[in-house]
Amino acid sequence: MSKGANVVTIFLIISIIVGIVSSILLTIFLTGYEATTQGQIEATYASPLYGAGIASGVFTSLLLFYPVFKKGDRSHQWEDFR
């Protein structure tokens, strides 16, 4: 694999791990928060969806910010482009 494919694969693995952990934590916290049985069932069904949303957000953020941190100008003395 090329370097770019390796980076994307690493980002994908990180986002999958974040999604699984957030899904488990959301299941624990939302199920404990809801007082009724129906609310606990709905929280159990909704937690993986929230976890998938968090994972896709992390993956997108990593892809967007990687070039900035990799090749970005850190001097903070940018030119005026007017």
C-alpha atoms as a PDB file:
ATOM      1  CA  MET A   1       0.000   0.000   0.000  1.00  0.00           C
ATOM      2  CA  SER A   2       1.068   3.553  -0.568  1.00  0.00           C
ATOM      3  CA  LYS A   3       1.627   6.043   2.225  1.00  0.00           C
ATOM      4  CA  GLY A   4      -1.716   7.742   1.615  1.00  0.00           C
ATOM      5  CA  ALA A   5      -3.598   4.454   1.753  1.00  0.00           C
ATOM      6  CA  ASN A   6      -1.844   3.572   5.011  1.00  0.00           C
ATOM      7  CA  VAL A   7      -2.855   6.894   6.553  1.00  0.00           C
ATOM      8  CA  VAL A   8      -6.488   6.473   5.501  1.00  0.00           C
ATOM      9  CA  THR A   9      -6.509   2.907   6.849  1.00  0.00           C
ATOM     10  CA  ILE A  10      -5.113   4.086  10.187  1.00  0.00           C
ATOM     11  CA  PHE A  11      -7.739   6.842  10.346  1.00  0.00           C
ATOM     12  CA  LEU A  12     -10.460   4.305   9.550  1.00  0.00           C
ATOM     13  CA  ILE A  13      -9.289   1.978  12.320  1.00  0.00           C
ATOM     14  CA  ILE A  14      -9.143   4.859  14.809  1.00  0.00           C
ATOM     15  CA  SER A  15     -12.664   5.977  13.896  1.00  0.00           C
ATOM     16  CA  ILE A  16     -14.031   2.419  14.200  1.00  0.00           C
ATOM     17  CA  ILE A  17     -12.527   2.106  17.681  1.00  0.00           C
ATOM     18  CA  VAL A  18     -13.944   5.506  18.671  1.00  0.00           C
ATOM     19  CA  GLY A  19     -17.364   4.473  17.322  1.00  0.00           C
ATOM     20  CA  ILE A  20     -17.420   1.207  19.264  1.00  0.00           C
ATOM     21  CA  VAL A  21     -16.296   2.840  22.507  1.00  0.00           C
ATOM     22  CA  SER A  22     -18.763   5.710  22.162  1.00  0.00           C
ATOM     23  CA  SER A  23     -21.582   3.276  21.378  1.00  0.00           C
ATOM     24  CA  ILE A  24     -20.831   1.261  24.517  1.00  0.00           C
ATOM     25  CA  LEU A  25     -20.548   4.363  26.693  1.00  0.00           C
ATOM     26  CA  LEU A  26     -23.734   5.862  25.267  1.00  0.00           C
ATOM     27  CA  THR A  27     -25.586   2.605  25.911  1.00  0.00           C
ATOM     28  CA  ILE A  28     -24.461   2.627  29.537  1.00  0.00           C
ATOM     29  CA  PHE A  29     -25.183   6.295  30.161  1.00  0.00           C
ATOM     30  CA  LEU A  30     -28.441   6.614  28.218  1.00  0.00           C
ATOM     31  CA  THR A  31     -29.883   3.409  29.655  1.00  0.00           C
ATOM     32  CA  GLY A  32     -29.118   4.609  33.168  1.00  0.00           C
ATOM     33  CA  TYR A  33     -30.604   8.024  32.422  1.00  0.00           C
ATOM     34  CA  GLU A  34     -33.965   6.801  31.138  1.00  0.00           C
ATOM     35  CA  ALA A  35     -36.377   5.866  33.912  1.00  0.00           C
ATOM     36  CA  THR A  36     -38.942   3.863  31.962  1.00  0.00           C
ATOM     37  CA  THR A  37     -38.479   0.491  30.330  1.00  0.00           C
ATOM     38  CA  GLN A  38     -39.541   1.830  26.922  1.00  0.00           C
ATOM     39  CA  GLY A  39     -36.998   4.643  27.198  1.00  0.00           C
ATOM     40  CA  GLN A  40     -34.254   2.168  28.033  1.00  0.00           C
ATOM     41  CA  ILE A  41     -35.150   0.053  25.004  1.00  0.00           C
ATOM     42  CA  GLU A  42     -35.109   3.102  22.734  1.00  0.00           C
ATOM     43  CA  ALA A  43     -31.776   4.227  24.195  1.00  0.00           C
ATOM     44  CA  THR A  44     -30.328   0.777  23.527  1.00  0.00           C
ATOM     45  CA  TYR A  45     -31.417   0.964  19.881  1.00  0.00           C
ATOM     46  CA  ALA A  46     -30.303   4.575  19.401  1.00  0.00           C
ATOM     47  CA  SER A  47     -26.815   4.276  20.914  1.00  0.00           C
ATOM     48  CA  PRO A  48     -25.189   2.431  17.965  1.00  0.00           C
ATOM     49  CA  LEU A  49     -26.602   5.037  15.588  1.00  0.00           C
ATOM     50  CA  TYR A  50     -25.119   7.840  17.669  1.00  0.00           C
ATOM     51  CA  GLY A  51     -21.841   5.919  17.832  1.00  0.00           C
ATOM     52  CA  ALA A  52     -21.768   5.576  14.044  1.00  0.00           C
ATOM     53  CA  GLY A  53     -22.360   9.310  13.700  1.00  0.00           C
ATOM     54  CA  ILE A  54     -19.543  10.088  16.105  1.00  0.00           C
ATOM     55  CA  ALA A  55     -17.222   7.673  14.271  1.00  0.00           C
ATOM     56  CA  SER A  56     -17.982   9.200  10.875  1.00  0.00           C
ATOM     57  CA  GLY A  57     -17.406  12.666  12.305  1.00  0.00           C
ATOM     58  CA  VAL A  58     -14.038  11.616  13.716  1.00  0.00           C
ATOM     59  CA  PHE A  59     -13.038  10.023  10.393  1.00  0.00           C
ATOM     60  CA  THR A  60     -14.036  13.116   8.428  1.00  0.00           C
ATOM     61  CA  SER A  61     -12.251  15.434  10.862  1.00  0.00           C
ATOM     62  CA  LEU A  62      -9.079  13.360  10.711  1.00  0.00           C
ATOM     63  CA  LEU A  63      -9.126  13.400   6.909  1.00  0.00           C
ATOM     64  CA  LEU A  64      -9.731  17.147   6.801  1.00  0.00           C
ATOM     65  CA  PHE A  65      -7.164  18.173   9.404  1.00  0.00           C
ATOM     66  CA  TYR A  66      -4.352  15.783   8.445  1.00  0.00           C
ATOM     67  CA  PRO A  67      -3.010  17.937   5.572  1.00  0.00           C
ATOM     68  CA  VAL A  68      -3.174  21.020   7.781  1.00  0.00           C
ATOM     69  CA  PHE A  69      -1.028  19.444  10.482  1.00  0.00           C
ATOM     70  CA  LYS A  70       1.214  17.601   8.024  1.00  0.00           C
ATOM     71  CA  LYS A  71       2.054  20.458   5.649  1.00  0.00           C
ATOM     72  CA  GLY A  72       0.551  23.484   7.321  1.00  0.00           C
ATOM     73  CA  ASP A  73       2.318  26.725   8.072  1.00  0.00           C
ATOM     74  CA  ARG A  74       2.854  26.937  11.813  1.00  0.00           C
ATOM     75  CA  SER A  75       4.653  30.268  11.849  1.00  0.00           C
ATOM     76  CA  HIS A  76       1.395  32.266  12.176  1.00  0.00           C
ATOM     77  CA  GLN A  77       2.855  34.998   9.970  1.00  0.00           C
ATOM     78  CA  TRP A  78       0.555  34.582   7.025  1.00  0.00           C
ATOM     79  CA  GLU A  79       0.553  36.950   4.075  1.00  0.00           C
ATOM     80  CA  ASP A  80      -2.325  39.217   3.272  1.00  0.00           C
ATOM     81  CA  PHE A  81      -4.033  37.862   0.153  1.00  0.00           C
ATOM     82  CA  ARG A  82      -6.154  40.901  -0.682  1.00  0.00           C
END
